[in-house]
Each structure stands twice: as C-alpha cells, then as structure tokens.
Amino acid sequence: MSLARNEICRRIKVVTQNKNANQISNTSDLKWPGVLIATQLPDLPQVDLLIRTSGEARLSDFLLYETQSSYLYFSENLWPDFSVLELVKTLAYYKYYRATSCKLF
C-alpha cells in the first residue's frame, strides 16, 4: 500500500476512534481542519513550495495531500550539490509563478 493510502487509512482510524470516544458527536460536523489533526505534520502550515532534487519529476507519495496546491520545482542537482545559488533560482521561480498565477484567477 502506498504512503498516501496509508495516510488516508490512518486519518480515518483517528477520526473514528475520536467518534467512538465521544470526542466527535456527529460525523457531519467533521471539517478538513479537524481531520488535519490526524496528519503526520499537524502543527505545520500548508506547503507553498516543494523542491525535488535529483532530476526526478515525481513526488513518490511524499506529502501528497499537504502539497496539493503547492508550487513544484524539479532540480537536476542531487541534494548534496544543491547550492545557495540554486535555492535563490528556485525562490525566483516561485516568486514569478506565484505572482503570475494570482493574476489569472
């Protein structure tokens, strides 16, 4: 089973355990922030920019739901070779595309 599927199963288990423990009175009251408590990173804000090194253009089930509306940057450099210059280039990419995509909607 993929990591994303495991994450969904884990969230469902936590929510149903809370319902069984009477911490949740009605399943119609469930909203996304309430389910977010069951995630792996409940205290962190949503990811704005995800940098993937090594030239791979895939996420490999890494934080799929947390990065659903994030900007993705795929670098050909391997992680040990990812320099400050590459980071500046990545942030410029993010700044440009964030500014242009906001104008579209």
PDB file of N, CA and C in Angstrom:
ATOM      1  N   MET A   1       0.854  -1.177   0.000  1.00  0.00           N
ATOM      2  CA  MET A   1       0.000   0.000   0.000  1.00  0.00           C
ATOM      3  C   MET A   1       0.899   1.239   0.000  1.00  0.00           C
ATOM      4  N   SER A   2       0.519   2.236  -0.789  1.00  0.00           N
ATOM      5  CA  SER A   2       1.330   3.442  -0.893  1.00  0.00           C
ATOM      6  C   SER A   2       1.261   4.261   0.395  1.00  0.00           C
ATOM      7  N   LEU A   3       2.205   5.178   0.536  1.00  0.00           N
ATOM      8  CA  LEU A   3       2.234   6.038   1.716  1.00  0.00           C
ATOM      9  C   LEU A   3       0.978   6.902   1.796  1.00  0.00           C
ATOM     10  N   ALA A   4       0.516   7.405   0.654  1.00  0.00           N
ATOM     11  CA  ALA A   4      -0.690   8.246   0.654  1.00  0.00           C
ATOM     12  C   ALA A   4      -1.899   7.445   1.116  1.00  0.00           C
ATOM     13  N   ARG A   5      -2.020   6.213   0.686  1.00  0.00           N
ATOM     14  CA  ARG A   5      -3.135   5.373   1.121  1.00  0.00           C
ATOM     15  C   ARG A   5      -3.033   5.060   2.608  1.00  0.00           C
ATOM     16  N   ASN A   6      -1.830   4.814   3.059  1.00  0.00           N
ATOM     17  CA  ASN A   6      -1.633   4.592   4.498  1.00  0.00           C
ATOM     18  C   ASN A   6      -2.031   5.825   5.299  1.00  0.00           C
ATOM     19  N   GLU A   7      -1.710   6.996   4.785  1.00  0.00           N
ATOM     20  CA  GLU A   7      -2.055   8.241   5.462  1.00  0.00           C
ATOM     21  C   GLU A   7      -3.571   8.385   5.557  1.00  0.00           C
ATOM     22  N   ILE A   8      -4.285   8.095   4.481  1.00  0.00           N
ATOM     23  CA  ILE A   8      -5.750   8.176   4.499  1.00  0.00           C
ATOM     24  C   ILE A   8      -6.319   7.193   5.516  1.00  0.00           C
ATOM     25  N   CYS A   9      -5.823   5.967   5.508  1.00  0.00           N
ATOM     26  CA  CYS A   9      -6.298   4.959   6.466  1.00  0.00           C
ATOM     27  C   CYS A   9      -6.034   5.397   7.904  1.00  0.00           C
ATOM     28  N   ARG A  10      -4.868   5.965   8.143  1.00  0.00           N
ATOM     29  CA  ARG A  10      -4.528   6.414   9.491  1.00  0.00           C
ATOM     30  C   ARG A  10      -5.449   7.554   9.932  1.00  0.00           C
ATOM     31  N   ARG A  11      -5.743   8.477   9.032  1.00  0.00           N
ATOM     32  CA  ARG A  11      -6.645   9.580   9.363  1.00  0.00           C
ATOM     33  C   ARG A  11      -8.035   9.066   9.706  1.00  0.00           C
ATOM     34  N   ILE A  12      -8.514   8.123   8.914  1.00  0.00           N
ATOM     35  CA  ILE A  12      -9.847   7.558   9.161  1.00  0.00           C
ATOM     36  C   ILE A  12      -9.883   6.867  10.514  1.00  0.00           C
ATOM     37  N   LYS A  13      -8.835   6.117  10.843  1.00  0.00           N
ATOM     38  CA  LYS A  13      -8.785   5.429  12.136  1.00  0.00           C
ATOM     39  C   LYS A  13      -8.832   6.423  13.296  1.00  0.00           C
ATOM     40  N   VAL A  14      -8.065   7.506  13.190  1.00  0.00           N
ATOM     41  CA  VAL A  14      -8.043   8.503  14.262  1.00  0.00           C
ATOM     42  C   VAL A  14      -9.413   9.157  14.409  1.00  0.00           C
ATOM     43  N   VAL A  15     -10.026   9.510  13.289  1.00  0.00           N
ATOM     44  CA  VAL A  15     -11.336  10.157  13.341  1.00  0.00           C
ATOM     45  C   VAL A  15     -12.383   9.218  13.935  1.00  0.00           C
ATOM     46  N   THR A  16     -12.375   7.954  13.523  1.00  0.00           N
ATOM     47  CA  THR A  16     -13.373   7.014  14.059  1.00  0.00           C
ATOM     48  C   THR A  16     -13.102   6.700  15.523  1.00  0.00           C
ATOM     49  N   GLN A  17     -11.855   6.656  15.932  1.00  0.00           N
ATOM     50  CA  GLN A  17     -11.554   6.447  17.352  1.00  0.00           C
ATOM     51  C   GLN A  17     -12.055   7.620  18.178  1.00  0.00           C
ATOM     52  N   ASN A  18     -11.893   8.836  17.655  1.00  0.00           N
ATOM     53  CA  ASN A  18     -12.400  10.018  18.355  1.00  0.00           C
ATOM     54  C   ASN A  18     -13.921   9.980  18.433  1.00  0.00           C
ATOM     55  N   LYS A  19     -14.578   9.502  17.387  1.00  0.00           N
ATOM     56  CA  LYS A  19     -16.034   9.402  17.406  1.00  0.00           C
ATOM     57  C   LYS A  19     -16.468   8.357  18.432  1.00  0.00           C
ATOM     58  N   ASN A  20     -15.768   7.232  18.453  1.00  0.00           N
ATOM     59  CA  ASN A  20     -16.100   6.183  19.422  1.00  0.00           C
ATOM     60  C   ASN A  20     -15.855   6.649  20.851  1.00  0.00           C
ATOM     61  N   ALA A  21     -14.891   7.532  21.045  1.00  0.00           N
ATOM     62  CA  ALA A  21     -14.600   8.057  22.390  1.00  0.00           C
ATOM     63  C   ALA A  21     -15.467   9.272  22.708  1.00  0.00           C
ATOM     64  N   ASN A  22     -16.486   9.514  21.878  1.00  0.00           N
ATOM     65  CA  ASN A  22     -17.430  10.622  22.050  1.00  0.00           C
ATOM     66  C   ASN A  22     -16.762  12.001  21.988  1.00  0.00           C
ATOM     67  N   GLN A  23     -15.585  12.082  21.382  1.00  0.00           N
ATOM     68  CA  GLN A  23     -14.957  13.382  21.185  1.00  0.00           C
ATOM     69  C   GLN A  23     -15.571  14.098  19.983  1.00  0.00           C
ATOM     70  N   ILE A  24     -16.192  13.313  19.114  1.00  0.00           N
ATOM     71  CA  ILE A  24     -16.905  13.862  17.964  1.00  0.00           C
ATOM     72  C   ILE A  24     -18.337  13.378  18.070  1.00  0.00           C
ATOM     73  N   SER A  25     -19.280  14.302  18.121  1.00  0.00           N
ATOM     74  CA  SER A  25     -20.672  13.903  18.329  1.00  0.00           C
ATOM     75  C   SER A  25     -21.372  13.537  17.032  1.00  0.00           C
ATOM     76  N   ASN A  26     -20.995  14.173  15.938  1.00  0.00           N
ATOM     77  CA  ASN A  26     -21.705  13.949  14.692  1.00  0.00           C
ATOM     78  C   ASN A  26     -20.694  13.997  13.543  1.00  0.00           C
ATOM     79  N   THR A  27     -20.694  12.979  12.683  1.00  0.00           N
ATOM     80  CA  THR A  27     -19.718  12.953  11.593  1.00  0.00           C
ATOM     81  C   THR A  27     -19.960  14.077  10.595  1.00  0.00           C
ATOM     82  N   SER A  28     -21.162  14.647  10.539  1.00  0.00           N
ATOM     83  CA  SER A  28     -21.396  15.777   9.637  1.00  0.00           C
ATOM     84  C   SER A  28     -20.680  17.035  10.133  1.00  0.00           C
ATOM     85  N   ASP A  29     -20.252  17.026  11.399  1.00  0.00           N
ATOM     86  CA  ASP A  29     -19.507  18.163  11.946  1.00  0.00           C
ATOM     87  C   ASP A  29     -18.040  18.155  11.516  1.00  0.00           C
ATOM     88  N   LEU A  30     -17.586  17.057  10.920  1.00  0.00           N
ATOM     89  CA  LEU A  30     -16.182  16.952  10.541  1.00  0.00           C
ATOM     90  C   LEU A  30     -15.856  17.898   9.403  1.00  0.00           C
ATOM     91  N   LYS A  31     -14.802  18.638   9.564  1.00  0.00           N
ATOM     92  CA  LYS A  31     -14.308  19.552   8.538  1.00  0.00           C
ATOM     93  C   LYS A  31     -12.829  19.244   8.331  1.00  0.00           C
ATOM     94  N   TRP A  32     -12.274  19.753   7.244  1.00  0.00           N
ATOM     95  CA  TRP A  32     -10.877  19.448   6.926  1.00  0.00           C
ATOM     96  C   TRP A  32      -9.912  19.803   8.058  1.00  0.00           C
ATOM     97  N   PRO A  33      -9.991  20.960   8.716  1.00  0.00           N
ATOM     98  CA  PRO A  33      -9.045  21.221   9.806  1.00  0.00           C
ATOM     99  C   PRO A  33      -9.122  20.184  10.925  1.00  0.00           C
ATOM    100  N   GLY A  34     -10.312  19.647  11.180  1.00  0.00           N
ATOM    101  CA  GLY A  34     -10.438  18.622  12.210  1.00  0.00           C
ATOM    102  C   GLY A  34      -9.757  17.335  11.816  1.00  0.00           C
ATOM    103  N   VAL A  35      -9.845  16.983  10.558  1.00  0.00           N
ATOM    104  CA  VAL A  35      -9.186  15.774  10.078  1.00  0.00           C
ATOM    105  C   VAL A  35      -7.690  16.000   9.983  1.00  0.00           C
ATOM    106  N   LEU A  36      -7.284  17.244   9.764  1.00  0.00           N
ATOM    107  CA  LEU A  36      -5.864  17.577   9.647  1.00  0.00           C
ATOM    108  C   LEU A  36      -5.088  17.227  10.911  1.00  0.00           C
ATOM    109  N   ILE A  37      -5.766  17.200  12.039  1.00  0.00           N
ATOM    110  CA  ILE A  37      -5.104  16.854  13.299  1.00  0.00           C
ATOM    111  C   ILE A  37      -4.475  15.472  13.222  1.00  0.00           C
ATOM    112  N   ALA A  38      -5.039  14.603  12.405  1.00  0.00           N
ATOM    113  CA  ALA A  38      -4.546  13.236  12.292  1.00  0.00           C
ATOM    114  C   ALA A  38      -3.394  13.087  11.304  1.00  0.00           C
ATOM    115  N   THR A  39      -2.959  14.166  10.689  1.00  0.00           N
ATOM    116  CA  THR A  39      -1.890  14.055   9.695  1.00  0.00           C
ATOM    117  C   THR A  39      -0.533  13.906  10.366  1.00  0.00           C
ATOM    118  N   GLN A  40       0.467  13.649   9.548  1.00  0.00           N
ATOM    119  CA  GLN A  40       1.817  13.481  10.073  1.00  0.00           C
ATOM    120  C   GLN A  40       2.409  14.809  10.542  1.00  0.00           C
ATOM    121  N   LEU A  41       1.969  15.920   9.967  1.00  0.00           N
ATOM    122  CA  LEU A  41       2.530  17.233  10.288  1.00  0.00           C
ATOM    123  C   LEU A  41       1.431  18.204  10.702  1.00  0.00           C
ATOM    124  N   PRO A  42       0.746  17.948  11.810  1.00  0.00           N
ATOM    125  CA  PRO A  42      -0.418  18.770  12.148  1.00  0.00           C
ATOM    126  C   PRO A  42      -0.095  20.207  12.532  1.00  0.00           C
ATOM    127  N   ASP A  43       1.102  20.489  13.011  1.00  0.00           N
ATOM    128  CA  ASP A  43       1.421  21.824  13.509  1.00  0.00           C
ATOM    129  C   ASP A  43       2.064  22.722  12.457  1.00  0.00           C
ATOM    130  N   LEU A  44       2.302  22.199  11.274  1.00  0.00           N
ATOM    131  CA  LEU A  44       2.958  22.986  10.238  1.00  0.00           C
ATOM    132  C   LEU A  44       1.951  23.554   9.256  1.00  0.00           C
ATOM    133  N   PRO A  45       2.231  24.736   8.715  1.00  0.00           N
ATOM    134  CA  PRO A  45       1.323  25.291   7.709  1.00  0.00           C
ATOM    135  C   PRO A  45       1.419  24.495   6.405  1.00  0.00           C
ATOM    136  N   GLN A  46       0.478  24.749   5.507  1.00  0.00           N
ATOM    137  CA  GLN A  46       0.484  24.056   4.226  1.00  0.00           C
ATOM    138  C   GLN A  46       1.752  24.404   3.456  1.00  0.00           C
ATOM    139  N   VAL A  47       2.255  23.465   2.711  1.00  0.00           N
ATOM    140  CA  VAL A  47       3.485  23.648   1.938  1.00  0.00           C
ATOM    141  C   VAL A  47       3.215  24.587   0.761  1.00  0.00           C
ATOM    142  N   ASP A  48       4.027  25.626   0.607  1.00  0.00           N
ATOM    143  CA  ASP A  48       3.882  26.558  -0.508  1.00  0.00           C
ATOM    144  C   ASP A  48       4.742  26.141  -1.696  1.00  0.00           C
ATOM    145  N   LEU A  49       5.936  25.658  -1.416  1.00  0.00           N
ATOM    146  CA  LEU A  49       6.881  25.305  -2.468  1.00  0.00           C
ATOM    147  C   LEU A  49       7.561  23.992  -2.090  1.00  0.00           C
ATOM    148  N   LEU A  50       7.545  23.054  -3.009  1.00  0.00           N
ATOM    149  CA  LEU A  50       8.223  21.778  -2.787  1.00  0.00           C
ATOM    150  C   LEU A  50       9.352  21.655  -3.799  1.00  0.00           C
ATOM    151  N   ILE A  51      10.551  21.439  -3.312  1.00  0.00           N
ATOM    152  CA  ILE A  51      11.722  21.297  -4.169  1.00  0.00           C
ATOM    153  C   ILE A  51      12.086  19.822  -4.232  1.00  0.00           C
ATOM    154  N   ARG A  52      12.137  19.295  -5.446  1.00  0.00           N
ATOM    155  CA  ARG A  52      12.505  17.879  -5.646  1.00  0.00           C
ATOM    156  C   ARG A  52      13.835  17.849  -6.384  1.00  0.00           C
ATOM    157  N   THR A  53      14.841  17.296  -5.754  1.00  0.00           N
ATOM    158  CA  THR A  53      16.169  17.218  -6.365  1.00  0.00           C
ATOM    159  C   THR A  53      16.339  15.888  -7.094  1.00  0.00           C
ATOM    160  N   SER A  54      17.447  15.729  -7.776  1.00  0.00           N
ATOM    161  CA  SER A  54      17.893  14.509  -8.464  1.00  0.00           C
ATOM    162  C   SER A  54      17.309  14.345  -9.854  1.00  0.00           C
ATOM    163  N   GLY A  55      16.580  15.323 -10.341  1.00  0.00           N
ATOM    164  CA  GLY A  55      16.045  15.226 -11.691  1.00  0.00           C
ATOM    165  C   GLY A  55      14.783  14.397 -11.817  1.00  0.00           C
ATOM    166  N   GLU A  56      14.320  13.828 -10.731  1.00  0.00           N
ATOM    167  CA  GLU A  56      13.078  13.046 -10.745  1.00  0.00           C
ATOM    168  C   GLU A  56      11.888  13.993 -10.776  1.00  0.00           C
ATOM    169  N   ALA A  57      10.978  13.776 -11.690  1.00  0.00           N
ATOM    170  CA  ALA A  57       9.787  14.623 -11.808  1.00  0.00           C
ATOM    171  C   ALA A  57       8.576  13.885 -11.237  1.00  0.00           C
ATOM    172  N   ARG A  58       8.696  13.489  -9.986  1.00  0.00           N
ATOM    173  CA  ARG A  58       7.598  12.805  -9.290  1.00  0.00           C
ATOM    174  C   ARG A  58       7.734  13.079  -7.804  1.00  0.00           C
ATOM    175  N   LEU A  59       6.643  12.854  -7.067  1.00  0.00           N
ATOM    176  CA  LEU A  59       6.661  13.127  -5.633  1.00  0.00           C
ATOM    177  C   LEU A  59       6.893  11.881  -4.787  1.00  0.00           C
ATOM    178  N   SER A  60       6.734  10.717  -5.351  1.00  0.00           N
ATOM    179  CA  SER A  60       6.960   9.457  -4.635  1.00  0.00           C
ATOM    180  C   SER A  60       6.118   9.356  -3.366  1.00  0.00           C
ATOM    181  N   ASP A  61       4.861   9.791  -3.426  1.00  0.00           N
ATOM    182  CA  ASP A  61       3.934   9.751  -2.294  1.00  0.00           C
ATOM    183  C   ASP A  61       4.394  10.598  -1.111  1.00  0.00           C
ATOM    184  N   PHE A  62       5.251  11.568  -1.354  1.00  0.00           N
ATOM    185  CA  PHE A  62       5.757  12.407  -0.265  1.00  0.00           C
ATOM    186  C   PHE A  62       4.803  13.574  -0.040  1.00  0.00           C
ATOM    187  N   LEU A  63       4.130  13.597   1.085  1.00  0.00           N
ATOM    188  CA  LEU A  63       3.225  14.678   1.464  1.00  0.00           C
ATOM    189  C   LEU A  63       2.234  15.040   0.351  1.00  0.00           C
ATOM    190  N   LEU A  64       1.612  14.037  -0.241  1.00  0.00           N
ATOM    191  CA  LEU A  64       0.713  14.287  -1.367  1.00  0.00           C
ATOM    192  C   LEU A  64      -0.418  15.242  -1.039  1.00  0.00           C
ATOM    193  N   TYR A  65      -1.036  15.076   0.094  1.00  0.00           N
ATOM    194  CA  TYR A  65      -2.177  15.922   0.428  1.00  0.00           C
ATOM    195  C   TYR A  65      -1.746  17.277   0.946  1.00  0.00           C
ATOM    196  N   GLU A  66      -0.612  17.346   1.600  1.00  0.00           N
ATOM    197  CA  GLU A  66      -0.103  18.611   2.118  1.00  0.00           C
ATOM    198  C   GLU A  66       0.425  19.502   0.991  1.00  0.00           C
ATOM    199  N   THR A  67       0.770  18.918  -0.148  1.00  0.00           N
ATOM    200  CA  THR A  67       1.318  19.682  -1.274  1.00  0.00           C
ATOM    201  C   THR A  67       0.339  19.801  -2.436  1.00  0.00           C
ATOM    202  N   GLN A  68      -0.933  19.567  -2.184  1.00  0.00           N
ATOM    203  CA  GLN A  68      -1.901  19.531  -3.279  1.00  0.00           C
ATOM    204  C   GLN A  68      -1.997  20.838  -4.073  1.00  0.00           C
ATOM    205  N   SER A  69      -1.790  21.971  -3.468  1.00  0.00           N
ATOM    206  CA  SER A  69      -1.853  23.233  -4.215  1.00  0.00           C
ATOM    207  C   SER A  69      -0.528  23.982  -4.134  1.00  0.00           C
ATOM    208  N   SER A  70       0.546  23.244  -3.968  1.00  0.00           N
ATOM    209  CA  SER A  70       1.877  23.838  -3.851  1.00  0.00           C
ATOM    210  C   SER A  70       2.516  24.018  -5.222  1.00  0.00           C
ATOM    211  N   TYR A  71       3.481  24.891  -5.257  1.00  0.00           N
ATOM    212  CA  TYR A  71       4.311  25.021  -6.443  1.00  0.00           C
ATOM    213  C   TYR A  71       5.400  23.968  -6.350  1.00  0.00           C
ATOM    214  N   LEU A  72       5.659  23.295  -7.463  1.00  0.00           N
ATOM    215  CA  LEU A  72       6.662  22.230  -7.501  1.00  0.00           C
ATOM    216  C   LEU A  72       7.848  22.703  -8.328  1.00  0.00           C
ATOM    217  N   TYR A  73       9.041  22.441  -7.806  1.00  0.00           N
ATOM    218  CA  TYR A  73      10.263  22.779  -8.528  1.00  0.00           C
ATOM    219  C   TYR A  73      11.127  21.534  -8.589  1.00  0.00           C
ATOM    220  N   PHE A  74      11.469  21.130  -9.805  1.00  0.00           N
ATOM    221  CA  PHE A  74      12.276  19.935 -10.014  1.00  0.00           C
ATOM    222  C   PHE A  74      13.669  20.360 -10.458  1.00  0.00           C
ATOM    223  N   SER A  75      14.652  19.989  -9.652  1.00  0.00           N
ATOM    224  CA  SER A  75      16.041  20.356  -9.914  1.00  0.00           C
ATOM    225  C   SER A  75      16.813  19.133 -10.397  1.00  0.00           C
ATOM    226  N   GLU A  76      17.681  19.358 -11.358  1.00  0.00           N
ATOM    227  CA  GLU A  76      18.541  18.274 -11.863  1.00  0.00           C
ATOM    228  C   GLU A  76      19.663  17.949 -10.868  1.00  0.00           C
ATOM    229  N   ASN A  77      19.972  18.864  -9.971  1.00  0.00           N
ATOM    230  CA  ASN A  77      21.053  18.655  -8.999  1.00  0.00           C
ATOM    231  C   ASN A  77      20.664  17.625  -7.953  1.00  0.00           C
ATOM    232  N   LEU A  78      21.646  16.873  -7.509  1.00  0.00           N
ATOM    233  CA  LEU A  78      21.429  15.978  -6.381  1.00  0.00           C
ATOM    234  C   LEU A  78      21.429  16.807  -5.109  1.00  0.00           C
ATOM    235  N   TRP A  79      20.858  16.285  -4.046  1.00  0.00           N
ATOM    236  CA  TRP A  79      20.731  17.060  -2.810  1.00  0.00           C
ATOM    237  C   TRP A  79      22.066  17.600  -2.288  1.00  0.00           C
ATOM    238  N   PRO A  80      23.125  16.816  -2.236  1.00  0.00           N
ATOM    239  CA  PRO A  80      24.382  17.381  -1.709  1.00  0.00           C
ATOM    240  C   PRO A  80      24.927  18.523  -2.569  1.00  0.00           C
ATOM    241  N   ASP A  81      24.548  18.565  -3.844  1.00  0.00           N
ATOM    242  CA  ASP A  81      25.042  19.602  -4.750  1.00  0.00           C
ATOM    243  C   ASP A  81      24.089  20.782  -4.870  1.00  0.00           C
ATOM    244  N   PHE A  82      22.996  20.759  -4.151  1.00  0.00           N
ATOM    245  CA  PHE A  82      22.009  21.838  -4.217  1.00  0.00           C
ATOM    246  C   PHE A  82      22.579  23.043  -3.471  1.00  0.00           C
ATOM    247  N   SER A  83      22.957  24.061  -4.212  1.00  0.00           N
ATOM    248  CA  SER A  83      23.687  25.210  -3.651  1.00  0.00           C
ATOM    249  C   SER A  83      22.756  26.356  -3.270  1.00  0.00           C
ATOM    250  N   VAL A  84      23.338  27.358  -2.651  1.00  0.00           N
ATOM    251  CA  VAL A  84      22.600  28.569  -2.303  1.00  0.00           C
ATOM    252  C   VAL A  84      22.131  29.255  -3.593  1.00  0.00           C
ATOM    253  N   LEU A  85      22.957  29.244  -4.628  1.00  0.00           N
ATOM    254  CA  LEU A  85      22.579  29.831  -5.906  1.00  0.00           C
ATOM    255  C   LEU A  85      21.352  29.119  -6.488  1.00  0.00           C
ATOM    256  N   GLU A  86      21.326  27.813  -6.391  1.00  0.00           N
ATOM    257  CA  GLU A  86      20.172  27.035  -6.862  1.00  0.00           C
ATOM    258  C   GLU A  86      18.922  27.368  -6.039  1.00  0.00           C
ATOM    259  N   LEU A  87      19.093  27.569  -4.749  1.00  0.00           N
ATOM    260  CA  LEU A  87      17.964  27.951  -3.899  1.00  0.00           C
ATOM    261  C   LEU A  87      17.430  29.326  -4.289  1.00  0.00           C
ATOM    262  N   VAL A  88      18.316  30.274  -4.549  1.00  0.00           N
ATOM    263  CA  VAL A  88      17.892  31.614  -4.978  1.00  0.00           C
ATOM    264  C   VAL A  88      17.137  31.515  -6.301  1.00  0.00           C
ATOM    265  N   LYS A  89      17.642  30.705  -7.215  1.00  0.00           N
ATOM    266  CA  LYS A  89      16.979  30.487  -8.505  1.00  0.00           C
ATOM    267  C   LYS A  89      15.583  29.886  -8.301  1.00  0.00           C
ATOM    268  N   THR A  90      15.477  28.956  -7.393  1.00  0.00           N
ATOM    269  CA  THR A  90      14.196  28.310  -7.086  1.00  0.00           C
ATOM    270  C   THR A  90      13.211  29.311  -6.491  1.00  0.00           C
ATOM    271  N   LEU A  91      13.670  30.143  -5.570  1.00  0.00           N
ATOM    272  CA  LEU A  91      12.795  31.143  -4.965  1.00  0.00           C
ATOM    273  C   LEU A  91      12.353  32.197  -5.981  1.00  0.00           C
ATOM    274  N   ALA A  92      13.219  32.527  -6.938  1.00  0.00           N
ATOM    275  CA  ALA A  92      12.833  33.458  -8.008  1.00  0.00           C
ATOM    276  C   ALA A  92      11.741  32.822  -8.875  1.00  0.00           C
ATOM    277  N   TYR A  93      11.881  31.529  -9.168  1.00  0.00           N
ATOM    278  CA  TYR A  93      10.854  30.785  -9.909  1.00  0.00           C
ATOM    279  C   TYR A  93       9.525  30.847  -9.157  1.00  0.00           C
ATOM    280  N   TYR A  94       9.573  30.586  -7.875  1.00  0.00           N
ATOM    281  CA  TYR A  94       8.369  30.593  -7.044  1.00  0.00           C
ATOM    282  C   TYR A  94       7.721  31.974  -7.026  1.00  0.00           C
ATOM    283  N   LYS A  95       8.536  32.989  -6.825  1.00  0.00           N
ATOM    284  CA  LYS A  95       8.017  34.360  -6.775  1.00  0.00           C
ATOM    285  C   LYS A  95       7.357  34.744  -8.098  1.00  0.00           C
ATOM    286  N   TYR A  96       7.999  34.407  -9.220  1.00  0.00           N
ATOM    287  CA  TYR A  96       7.457  34.739 -10.540  1.00  0.00           C
ATOM    288  C   TYR A  96       6.137  34.015 -10.791  1.00  0.00           C
ATOM    289  N   TYR A  97       6.114  32.717 -10.594  1.00  0.00           N
ATOM    290  CA  TYR A  97       4.900  31.953 -10.900  1.00  0.00           C
ATOM    291  C   TYR A  97       3.771  32.231  -9.923  1.00  0.00           C
ATOM    292  N   ARG A  98       4.099  32.544  -8.714  1.00  0.00           N
ATOM    293  CA  ARG A  98       3.050  32.906  -7.752  1.00  0.00           C
ATOM    294  C   ARG A  98       2.410  34.233  -8.150  1.00  0.00           C
ATOM    295  N   ALA A  99       3.231  35.177  -8.578  1.00  0.00           N
ATOM    296  CA  ALA A  99       2.704  36.484  -8.985  1.00  0.00           C
ATOM    297  C   ALA A  99       1.881  36.374 -10.261  1.00  0.00           C
ATOM    298  N   THR A 100       2.319  35.583 -11.211  1.00  0.00           N
ATOM    299  CA  THR A 100       1.585  35.479 -12.485  1.00  0.00           C
ATOM    300  C   THR A 100       0.322  34.639 -12.334  1.00  0.00           C
ATOM    301  N   SER A 101       0.358  33.596 -11.508  1.00  0.00           N
ATOM    302  CA  SER A 101      -0.835  32.749 -11.377  1.00  0.00           C
ATOM    303  C   SER A 101      -1.927  33.465 -10.580  1.00  0.00           C
ATOM    304  N   CYS A 102      -1.561  34.343  -9.667  1.00  0.00           N
ATOM    305  CA  CYS A 102      -2.567  35.091  -8.916  1.00  0.00           C
ATOM    306  C   CYS A 102      -3.338  36.036  -9.829  1.00  0.00           C
ATOM    307  N   LYS A 103      -2.699  36.527 -10.873  1.00  0.00           N
ATOM    308  CA  LYS A 103      -3.354  37.438 -11.815  1.00  0.00           C
ATOM    309  C   LYS A 103      -4.352  36.694 -12.700  1.00  0.00           C
ATOM    310  N   LEU A 104      -4.158  35.389 -12.862  1.00  0.00           N
ATOM    311  CA  LEU A 104      -5.031  34.611 -13.732  1.00  0.00           C
ATOM    312  C   LEU A 104      -6.390  34.352 -13.120  1.00  0.00           C
ATOM    313  N   PHE A 105      -6.481  34.371 -11.789  1.00  0.00           N
ATOM    314  CA  PHE A 105      -7.738  33.995 -11.142  1.00  0.00           C
ATOM    315  C   PHE A 105      -8.403  35.142 -10.503  1.00  0.00           C
TER     316      PHE A 105
END
